[in-house]
Amino acid sequence: MDGNHEPYVNSFKDKRILVIGDLMLDKHIDGTVSRVSPEAPVRVLHVKDERFVPGGACNVAVNLASMSGNVSLIGTVGDDASKNKLLEELKRRSIDTSNIITDKTRPTTLKVKLLAKDHHLLRLDHEIRRPISKDIAAKIIKTLEGSTSKYDAVIVSDYNKGLID
């Protein structure tokens, strides 16, 4: 490769891409550490900024959408505040969320990352990693059977969170 990625990036233009996989929301909490807590021997993070970004298969979709502009997602989310924030972030990036299925038996996967000067201090995971139910799997298969022919590419993005068993 000659380092010129433009031809490869341009080859994605006007392509319809389907991403199926484990949908996640990342919450980044940035701050500074300047002292130790008097309650326990841990550092105190003084929060300067908080932001949400799509993670997992959603991050794959965001990256593809920046090249093609026509990306759809299939996966599951819980019925919670993280779902609402994730869908908001995806729609803001013009990603089709119409095939995302709400599973009331599990939360939307949320990764909370605590950072100081771009250094990861700690990550908190809100997730269930067991396989999805047979009912939810059947809904996903039905959605796939009725839609894959309208896409130029289908990408599977598995993070071992239960969608792909």
N, C-alpha and C. Protein backbone atom coordinates (compact mmCIF):
# COMPACT_ATOMS: atom_id res chain seq x y z
N MET A 1 0.85 -1.19 0.00
CA MET A 1 0.00 0.00 0.00
C MET A 1 0.88 1.23 0.00
N ASP A 2 0.49 2.22 -0.74
CA ASP A 2 1.29 3.42 -0.89
C ASP A 2 0.96 4.52 0.11
N GLY A 3 0.05 4.28 1.03
CA GLY A 3 -0.31 5.30 2.03
C GLY A 3 -1.46 6.18 1.60
N ASN A 4 -1.85 6.11 0.34
CA ASN A 4 -2.98 6.91 -0.14
C ASN A 4 -4.25 6.08 0.02
N HIS A 5 -5.01 6.39 1.04
CA HIS A 5 -6.22 5.62 1.34
C HIS A 5 -7.45 6.17 0.64
N GLU A 6 -7.33 7.28 -0.01
CA GLU A 6 -8.50 7.93 -0.62
C GLU A 6 -9.25 7.03 -1.59
N PRO A 7 -8.58 6.27 -2.47
CA PRO A 7 -9.34 5.39 -3.37
C PRO A 7 -10.17 4.35 -2.61
N TYR A 8 -9.64 3.86 -1.51
CA TYR A 8 -10.37 2.86 -0.72
C TYR A 8 -11.57 3.49 -0.03
N VAL A 9 -11.35 4.65 0.54
CA VAL A 9 -12.45 5.37 1.21
C VAL A 9 -13.53 5.72 0.19
N ASN A 10 -13.12 6.21 -0.97
CA ASN A 10 -14.10 6.59 -2.00
C ASN A 10 -14.88 5.40 -2.53
N SER A 11 -14.31 4.19 -2.45
CA SER A 11 -15.03 3.01 -2.94
C SER A 11 -16.26 2.70 -2.09
N PHE A 12 -16.36 3.29 -0.90
CA PHE A 12 -17.53 3.08 -0.03
C PHE A 12 -18.68 4.02 -0.36
N LYS A 13 -18.42 5.07 -1.11
CA LYS A 13 -19.46 6.05 -1.40
C LYS A 13 -20.65 5.37 -2.08
N ASP A 14 -21.83 5.75 -1.65
CA ASP A 14 -23.09 5.25 -2.21
C ASP A 14 -23.32 3.75 -2.01
N LYS A 15 -22.56 3.13 -1.14
CA LYS A 15 -22.79 1.72 -0.82
C LYS A 15 -23.74 1.64 0.37
N ARG A 16 -24.64 0.67 0.32
CA ARG A 16 -25.54 0.41 1.43
C ARG A 16 -24.92 -0.71 2.26
N ILE A 17 -24.68 -0.41 3.53
CA ILE A 17 -23.98 -1.35 4.40
C ILE A 17 -24.83 -1.66 5.63
N LEU A 18 -24.93 -2.95 5.94
CA LEU A 18 -25.63 -3.41 7.13
C LEU A 18 -24.60 -3.91 8.13
N VAL A 19 -24.70 -3.42 9.35
CA VAL A 19 -23.84 -3.90 10.44
C VAL A 19 -24.73 -4.61 11.44
N ILE A 20 -24.39 -5.85 11.74
CA ILE A 20 -25.11 -6.60 12.77
C ILE A 20 -24.12 -6.95 13.86
N GLY A 21 -24.53 -6.73 15.10
CA GLY A 21 -23.61 -7.05 16.18
C GLY A 21 -24.04 -6.51 17.52
N ASP A 22 -23.08 -6.50 18.43
CA ASP A 22 -23.30 -6.07 19.81
C ASP A 22 -23.27 -4.55 19.88
N LEU A 23 -24.42 -3.96 20.20
CA LEU A 23 -24.56 -2.51 20.26
C LEU A 23 -24.20 -2.03 21.66
N MET A 24 -23.40 -0.97 21.72
CA MET A 24 -22.94 -0.45 23.01
C MET A 24 -22.91 1.07 23.00
N LEU A 25 -22.97 1.61 24.19
CA LEU A 25 -22.80 3.04 24.39
C LEU A 25 -21.60 3.23 25.30
N ASP A 26 -20.69 4.10 24.89
CA ASP A 26 -19.54 4.44 25.72
C ASP A 26 -19.76 5.81 26.33
N LYS A 27 -19.49 5.92 27.61
CA LYS A 27 -19.53 7.21 28.30
C LYS A 27 -18.11 7.51 28.76
N HIS A 28 -17.56 8.60 28.26
CA HIS A 28 -16.21 9.00 28.65
C HIS A 28 -16.31 10.12 29.67
N ILE A 29 -15.68 9.92 30.81
CA ILE A 29 -15.62 10.95 31.85
C ILE A 29 -14.16 11.36 31.97
N ASP A 30 -13.87 12.58 31.54
CA ASP A 30 -12.50 13.11 31.56
C ASP A 30 -12.32 14.04 32.74
N GLY A 31 -11.15 13.98 33.33
CA GLY A 31 -10.87 14.87 34.44
C GLY A 31 -9.40 14.90 34.79
N THR A 32 -9.14 15.44 35.96
CA THR A 32 -7.77 15.51 36.47
C THR A 32 -7.72 14.87 37.85
N VAL A 33 -6.57 14.32 38.16
CA VAL A 33 -6.35 13.70 39.47
C VAL A 33 -5.27 14.50 40.17
N SER A 34 -5.59 15.01 41.37
CA SER A 34 -4.60 15.79 42.09
C SER A 34 -4.51 15.43 43.58
N ARG A 35 -5.34 14.45 43.99
CA ARG A 35 -5.32 14.10 45.41
C ARG A 35 -5.84 12.69 45.62
N VAL A 36 -5.68 12.22 46.85
CA VAL A 36 -6.18 10.91 47.26
C VAL A 36 -7.36 11.14 48.18
N SER A 37 -8.37 10.30 48.06
CA SER A 37 -9.57 10.40 48.88
C SER A 37 -9.24 10.18 50.35
N PRO A 38 -9.85 10.97 51.25
CA PRO A 38 -9.65 10.73 52.68
C PRO A 38 -10.43 9.50 53.17
N GLU A 39 -11.38 9.01 52.37
CA GLU A 39 -12.23 7.89 52.78
C GLU A 39 -11.61 6.53 52.49
N ALA A 40 -10.75 6.49 51.46
CA ALA A 40 -10.13 5.23 51.04
C ALA A 40 -8.88 5.58 50.23
N PRO A 41 -7.94 4.67 50.12
CA PRO A 41 -6.72 4.97 49.38
C PRO A 41 -6.92 4.89 47.86
N VAL A 42 -7.74 5.78 47.35
CA VAL A 42 -8.01 5.85 45.91
C VAL A 42 -7.85 7.30 45.44
N ARG A 43 -7.53 7.44 44.17
CA ARG A 43 -7.40 8.78 43.61
C ARG A 43 -8.78 9.37 43.37
N VAL A 44 -8.86 10.69 43.46
CA VAL A 44 -10.10 11.42 43.22
C VAL A 44 -10.00 12.04 41.82
N LEU A 45 -11.00 11.75 40.99
CA LEU A 45 -11.06 12.33 39.64
C LEU A 45 -11.96 13.55 39.69
N HIS A 46 -11.39 14.72 39.42
CA HIS A 46 -12.18 15.96 39.33
C HIS A 46 -12.69 16.04 37.89
N VAL A 47 -14.00 15.87 37.71
CA VAL A 47 -14.60 15.76 36.38
C VAL A 47 -14.58 17.10 35.66
N LYS A 48 -14.04 17.07 34.43
CA LYS A 48 -13.99 18.27 33.58
C LYS A 48 -14.97 18.16 32.41
N ASP A 49 -15.20 16.92 31.93
CA ASP A 49 -16.03 16.74 30.74
C ASP A 49 -16.62 15.33 30.74
N GLU A 50 -17.85 15.22 30.23
CA GLU A 50 -18.50 13.93 30.03
C GLU A 50 -19.07 13.91 28.63
N ARG A 51 -18.88 12.80 27.93
CA ARG A 51 -19.44 12.69 26.58
C ARG A 51 -19.81 11.24 26.29
N PHE A 52 -20.78 11.09 25.42
CA PHE A 52 -21.25 9.77 25.00
C PHE A 52 -20.85 9.54 23.55
N VAL A 53 -20.41 8.31 23.26
CA VAL A 53 -20.09 7.93 21.89
C VAL A 53 -20.58 6.50 21.65
N PRO A 54 -21.05 6.22 20.43
CA PRO A 54 -21.45 4.85 20.12
C PRO A 54 -20.25 3.91 20.20
N GLY A 55 -20.46 2.73 20.77
CA GLY A 55 -19.39 1.76 20.92
C GLY A 55 -19.76 0.42 20.31
N GLY A 56 -18.81 -0.50 20.32
CA GLY A 56 -19.05 -1.83 19.77
C GLY A 56 -19.41 -1.77 18.30
N ALA A 57 -20.43 -2.52 17.90
CA ALA A 57 -20.88 -2.52 16.51
C ALA A 57 -21.35 -1.13 16.07
N CYS A 58 -21.81 -0.34 17.01
CA CYS A 58 -22.24 1.03 16.69
C CYS A 58 -21.05 1.88 16.25
N ASN A 59 -19.89 1.66 16.85
CA ASN A 59 -18.69 2.38 16.43
C ASN A 59 -18.30 1.99 15.01
N VAL A 60 -18.42 0.71 14.69
CA VAL A 60 -18.16 0.24 13.33
C VAL A 60 -19.10 0.97 12.36
N ALA A 61 -20.37 1.04 12.72
CA ALA A 61 -21.36 1.72 11.87
C ALA A 61 -21.03 3.20 11.69
N VAL A 62 -20.62 3.85 12.76
CA VAL A 62 -20.26 5.28 12.69
C VAL A 62 -19.09 5.48 11.73
N ASN A 63 -18.07 4.63 11.84
CA ASN A 63 -16.91 4.76 10.96
C ASN A 63 -17.29 4.52 9.50
N LEU A 64 -18.12 3.52 9.25
CA LEU A 64 -18.56 3.26 7.88
C LEU A 64 -19.43 4.39 7.35
N ALA A 65 -20.29 4.93 8.20
CA ALA A 65 -21.17 6.03 7.77
C ALA A 65 -20.36 7.26 7.38
N SER A 66 -19.22 7.45 8.00
CA SER A 66 -18.38 8.60 7.63
C SER A 66 -17.81 8.44 6.23
N MET A 67 -17.80 7.21 5.71
CA MET A 67 -17.31 6.97 4.36
C MET A 67 -18.43 6.78 3.35
N SER A 68 -19.51 6.09 3.75
CA SER A 68 -20.55 5.76 2.77
C SER A 68 -21.82 6.57 2.93
N GLY A 69 -22.13 6.95 4.15
CA GLY A 69 -23.34 7.73 4.37
C GLY A 69 -24.62 6.92 4.35
N ASN A 70 -24.53 5.59 4.21
CA ASN A 70 -25.75 4.79 4.12
C ASN A 70 -25.57 3.48 4.90
N VAL A 71 -25.72 3.57 6.21
CA VAL A 71 -25.46 2.42 7.08
C VAL A 71 -26.68 2.13 7.94
N SER A 72 -26.99 0.84 8.07
CA SER A 72 -28.08 0.37 8.94
C SER A 72 -27.50 -0.57 9.99
N LEU A 73 -28.17 -0.61 11.14
CA LEU A 73 -27.74 -1.48 12.24
C LEU A 73 -28.82 -2.49 12.58
N ILE A 74 -28.38 -3.70 12.93
CA ILE A 74 -29.25 -4.70 13.54
C ILE A 74 -28.57 -5.15 14.82
N GLY A 75 -29.32 -5.13 15.91
CA GLY A 75 -28.81 -5.56 17.20
C GLY A 75 -29.87 -5.31 18.25
N THR A 76 -29.48 -5.47 19.50
CA THR A 76 -30.43 -5.28 20.59
C THR A 76 -29.97 -4.20 21.56
N VAL A 77 -30.94 -3.58 22.18
CA VAL A 77 -30.72 -2.62 23.27
C VAL A 77 -31.72 -2.95 24.37
N GLY A 78 -31.46 -2.45 25.56
CA GLY A 78 -32.42 -2.60 26.64
C GLY A 78 -33.47 -1.52 26.55
N ASP A 79 -34.38 -1.52 27.50
CA ASP A 79 -35.42 -0.48 27.56
C ASP A 79 -35.03 0.47 28.69
N ASP A 80 -34.05 1.34 28.41
CA ASP A 80 -33.46 2.16 29.47
C ASP A 80 -32.93 3.48 28.93
N ALA A 81 -32.39 4.28 29.81
CA ALA A 81 -31.87 5.60 29.43
C ALA A 81 -30.68 5.48 28.47
N SER A 82 -29.88 4.44 28.62
CA SER A 82 -28.74 4.25 27.72
C SER A 82 -29.20 3.99 26.29
N LYS A 83 -30.30 3.26 26.14
CA LYS A 83 -30.88 3.05 24.81
C LYS A 83 -31.24 4.38 24.19
N ASN A 84 -31.92 5.23 24.94
CA ASN A 84 -32.36 6.52 24.40
C ASN A 84 -31.17 7.36 23.97
N LYS A 85 -30.12 7.38 24.77
CA LYS A 85 -28.93 8.16 24.44
C LYS A 85 -28.22 7.57 23.23
N LEU A 86 -28.13 6.25 23.17
CA LEU A 86 -27.47 5.60 22.04
C LEU A 86 -28.21 5.88 20.74
N LEU A 87 -29.53 5.73 20.75
CA LEU A 87 -30.31 6.00 19.53
C LEU A 87 -30.18 7.45 19.11
N GLU A 88 -30.15 8.35 20.07
CA GLU A 88 -29.96 9.78 19.77
C GLU A 88 -28.61 10.00 19.08
N GLU A 89 -27.56 9.39 19.60
CA GLU A 89 -26.22 9.54 19.02
C GLU A 89 -26.14 8.93 17.62
N LEU A 90 -26.79 7.80 17.41
CA LEU A 90 -26.77 7.16 16.10
C LEU A 90 -27.56 7.97 15.07
N LYS A 91 -28.73 8.44 15.46
CA LYS A 91 -29.54 9.25 14.54
C LYS A 91 -28.84 10.55 14.18
N ARG A 92 -28.12 11.12 15.14
CA ARG A 92 -27.36 12.35 14.89
C ARG A 92 -26.30 12.12 13.81
N ARG A 93 -25.88 10.88 13.68
CA ARG A 93 -24.87 10.52 12.69
C ARG A 93 -25.50 9.89 11.44
N SER A 94 -26.82 10.02 11.32
CA SER A 94 -27.59 9.54 10.15
C SER A 94 -27.47 8.03 9.93
N ILE A 95 -27.44 7.27 11.00
CA ILE A 95 -27.42 5.81 10.90
C ILE A 95 -28.84 5.29 11.09
N ASP A 96 -29.25 4.38 10.22
CA ASP A 96 -30.59 3.80 10.27
C ASP A 96 -30.70 2.88 11.49
N THR A 97 -31.60 3.21 12.39
CA THR A 97 -31.80 2.42 13.61
C THR A 97 -33.12 1.65 13.61
N SER A 98 -33.79 1.61 12.47
CA SER A 98 -35.14 1.01 12.42
C SER A 98 -35.14 -0.50 12.69
N ASN A 99 -34.01 -1.17 12.54
CA ASN A 99 -33.95 -2.61 12.78
C ASN A 99 -33.37 -2.98 14.14
N ILE A 100 -33.20 -2.00 15.01
CA ILE A 100 -32.71 -2.28 16.36
C ILE A 100 -33.89 -2.76 17.21
N ILE A 101 -33.67 -3.86 17.91
CA ILE A 101 -34.73 -4.50 18.69
C ILE A 101 -34.52 -4.24 20.18
N THR A 102 -35.59 -3.83 20.86
CA THR A 102 -35.53 -3.62 22.31
C THR A 102 -35.79 -4.94 23.02
N ASP A 103 -34.86 -5.31 23.88
CA ASP A 103 -34.97 -6.52 24.69
C ASP A 103 -35.13 -6.08 26.15
N LYS A 104 -36.33 -6.23 26.67
CA LYS A 104 -36.63 -5.74 28.03
C LYS A 104 -36.00 -6.60 29.12
N THR A 105 -35.38 -7.72 28.76
CA THR A 105 -34.79 -8.61 29.76
C THR A 105 -33.32 -8.31 30.04
N ARG A 106 -32.76 -7.33 29.34
CA ARG A 106 -31.35 -7.02 29.54
C ARG A 106 -31.10 -5.53 29.31
N PRO A 107 -30.06 -4.98 29.91
CA PRO A 107 -29.79 -3.55 29.73
C PRO A 107 -29.06 -3.29 28.41
N THR A 108 -29.10 -2.06 27.97
CA THR A 108 -28.22 -1.63 26.90
C THR A 108 -26.80 -1.67 27.46
N THR A 109 -25.88 -2.27 26.71
CA THR A 109 -24.50 -2.33 27.19
C THR A 109 -23.93 -0.92 27.26
N LEU A 110 -23.44 -0.57 28.45
CA LEU A 110 -22.86 0.75 28.70
C LEU A 110 -21.47 0.56 29.29
N LYS A 111 -20.49 1.20 28.67
CA LYS A 111 -19.11 1.19 29.16
C LYS A 111 -18.79 2.60 29.63
N VAL A 112 -18.53 2.76 30.92
CA VAL A 112 -18.17 4.06 31.48
C VAL A 112 -16.66 4.07 31.67
N LYS A 113 -16.00 4.99 30.98
CA LYS A 113 -14.54 5.05 31.01
C LYS A 113 -14.09 6.31 31.73
N LEU A 114 -13.32 6.13 32.79
CA LEU A 114 -12.79 7.25 33.56
C LEU A 114 -11.37 7.52 33.07
N LEU A 115 -11.13 8.77 32.64
CA LEU A 115 -9.85 9.12 32.05
C LEU A 115 -9.27 10.38 32.67
N ALA A 116 -7.95 10.42 32.74
CA ALA A 116 -7.23 11.62 33.16
C ALA A 116 -6.08 11.80 32.17
N LYS A 117 -6.08 12.93 31.48
CA LYS A 117 -5.05 13.22 30.47
C LYS A 117 -4.93 12.07 29.47
N ASP A 118 -6.07 11.60 28.95
CA ASP A 118 -6.14 10.51 27.97
C ASP A 118 -5.60 9.18 28.50
N HIS A 119 -5.43 9.06 29.79
CA HIS A 119 -5.00 7.82 30.42
C HIS A 119 -6.21 7.16 31.09
N HIS A 120 -6.47 5.91 30.73
CA HIS A 120 -7.61 5.20 31.30
C HIS A 120 -7.32 4.82 32.75
N LEU A 121 -8.18 5.28 33.65
CA LEU A 121 -8.05 4.96 35.07
C LEU A 121 -8.86 3.73 35.45
N LEU A 122 -10.07 3.65 34.89
CA LEU A 122 -11.00 2.60 35.29
C LEU A 122 -12.11 2.52 34.25
N ARG A 123 -12.66 1.32 34.07
CA ARG A 123 -13.83 1.16 33.21
C ARG A 123 -14.90 0.41 33.98
N LEU A 124 -16.13 0.92 33.92
CA LEU A 124 -17.28 0.29 34.55
C LEU A 124 -18.16 -0.29 33.45
N ASP A 125 -18.48 -1.57 33.52
CA ASP A 125 -19.29 -2.22 32.50
C ASP A 125 -20.68 -2.53 33.05
N HIS A 126 -21.69 -2.02 32.37
CA HIS A 126 -23.09 -2.35 32.65
C HIS A 126 -23.54 -3.23 31.49
N GLU A 127 -23.64 -4.54 31.72
CA GLU A 127 -23.94 -5.45 30.62
C GLU A 127 -24.38 -6.81 31.13
N ILE A 128 -25.00 -7.54 30.22
CA ILE A 128 -25.28 -8.97 30.42
C ILE A 128 -24.65 -9.67 29.23
N ARG A 129 -23.84 -10.69 29.49
CA ARG A 129 -23.10 -11.35 28.42
C ARG A 129 -23.68 -12.70 28.02
N ARG A 130 -24.82 -13.06 28.54
CA ARG A 130 -25.41 -14.35 28.16
C ARG A 130 -26.03 -14.22 26.76
N PRO A 131 -26.24 -15.34 26.08
CA PRO A 131 -26.88 -15.28 24.76
C PRO A 131 -28.28 -14.67 24.84
N ILE A 132 -28.68 -14.01 23.76
CA ILE A 132 -30.02 -13.44 23.69
C ILE A 132 -31.05 -14.57 23.69
N SER A 133 -32.28 -14.24 24.02
CA SER A 133 -33.34 -15.26 24.07
C SER A 133 -33.67 -15.76 22.66
N LYS A 134 -34.32 -16.91 22.61
CA LYS A 134 -34.72 -17.48 21.32
C LYS A 134 -35.72 -16.57 20.60
N ASP A 135 -36.59 -15.91 21.36
CA ASP A 135 -37.56 -15.00 20.76
C ASP A 135 -36.87 -13.82 20.08
N ILE A 136 -35.90 -13.22 20.76
CA ILE A 136 -35.17 -12.09 20.19
C ILE A 136 -34.34 -12.56 18.99
N ALA A 137 -33.71 -13.73 19.11
CA ALA A 137 -32.93 -14.29 18.00
C ALA A 137 -33.82 -14.51 16.77
N ALA A 138 -35.03 -15.00 16.99
CA ALA A 138 -35.96 -15.22 15.88
C ALA A 138 -36.33 -13.90 15.20
N LYS A 139 -36.52 -12.84 15.99
CA LYS A 139 -36.82 -11.52 15.41
C LYS A 139 -35.65 -11.01 14.56
N ILE A 140 -34.45 -11.22 15.04
CA ILE A 140 -33.28 -10.77 14.29
C ILE A 140 -33.13 -11.56 13.00
N ILE A 141 -33.31 -12.86 13.07
CA ILE A 141 -33.22 -13.70 11.87
C ILE A 141 -34.28 -13.30 10.86
N LYS A 142 -35.49 -13.05 11.32
CA LYS A 142 -36.56 -12.62 10.42
C LYS A 142 -36.21 -11.29 9.75
N THR A 143 -35.65 -10.37 10.51
CA THR A 143 -35.23 -9.08 9.95
C THR A 143 -34.13 -9.29 8.91
N LEU A 144 -33.18 -10.14 9.21
CA LEU A 144 -32.09 -10.42 8.27
C LEU A 144 -32.60 -11.06 6.99
N GLU A 145 -33.49 -12.03 7.12
CA GLU A 145 -34.02 -12.73 5.94
C GLU A 145 -34.74 -11.78 5.00
N GLY A 146 -35.37 -10.78 5.55
CA GLY A 146 -36.13 -9.86 4.71
C GLY A 146 -35.36 -8.67 4.20
N SER A 147 -34.07 -8.55 4.57
CA SER A 147 -33.41 -7.29 4.21
C SER A 147 -32.02 -7.40 3.61
N THR A 148 -31.34 -8.51 3.75
CA THR A 148 -29.94 -8.55 3.33
C THR A 148 -29.74 -8.28 1.85
N SER A 149 -30.70 -8.61 1.02
CA SER A 149 -30.52 -8.42 -0.43
C SER A 149 -30.44 -6.95 -0.84
N LYS A 150 -30.90 -6.05 0.00
CA LYS A 150 -30.85 -4.63 -0.37
C LYS A 150 -29.56 -3.94 0.04
N TYR A 151 -28.59 -4.71 0.56
CA TYR A 151 -27.31 -4.14 0.99
C TYR A 151 -26.18 -4.62 0.09
N ASP A 152 -25.19 -3.75 -0.06
CA ASP A 152 -23.98 -4.10 -0.82
C ASP A 152 -23.01 -4.92 0.04
N ALA A 153 -23.10 -4.75 1.35
CA ALA A 153 -22.22 -5.48 2.25
C ALA A 153 -22.91 -5.67 3.59
N VAL A 154 -22.63 -6.81 4.21
CA VAL A 154 -23.11 -7.10 5.57
C VAL A 154 -21.88 -7.38 6.42
N ILE A 155 -21.77 -6.65 7.52
CA ILE A 155 -20.62 -6.79 8.41
C ILE A 155 -21.12 -7.28 9.76
N VAL A 156 -20.48 -8.32 10.28
CA VAL A 156 -20.80 -8.84 11.61
C VAL A 156 -19.73 -8.34 12.57
N SER A 157 -20.18 -7.70 13.65
CA SER A 157 -19.27 -7.12 14.63
C SER A 157 -19.59 -7.72 16.00
N ASP A 158 -18.82 -8.73 16.40
CA ASP A 158 -19.10 -9.50 17.60
C ASP A 158 -18.14 -9.13 18.73
N TYR A 159 -18.70 -8.76 19.87
CA TYR A 159 -17.91 -8.42 21.06
C TYR A 159 -18.22 -9.36 22.22
N ASN A 160 -18.77 -10.53 21.91
CA ASN A 160 -19.06 -11.55 22.92
C ASN A 160 -20.02 -11.05 24.00
N LYS A 161 -21.07 -10.33 23.58
CA LYS A 161 -22.07 -9.81 24.52
C LYS A 161 -23.39 -10.56 24.41
N GLY A 162 -23.45 -11.59 23.55
CA GLY A 162 -24.63 -12.44 23.52
C GLY A 162 -25.44 -12.44 22.24
N LEU A 163 -25.21 -11.49 21.34
CA LEU A 163 -26.00 -11.48 20.11
C LEU A 163 -25.60 -12.63 19.20
N ILE A 164 -24.32 -12.81 19.02
CA ILE A 164 -23.80 -13.90 18.19
C ILE A 164 -23.40 -15.02 19.14
N ASP A 165 -24.03 -16.18 18.97
CA ASP A 165 -23.76 -17.28 19.90
C ASP A 165 -22.97 -18.36 19.20
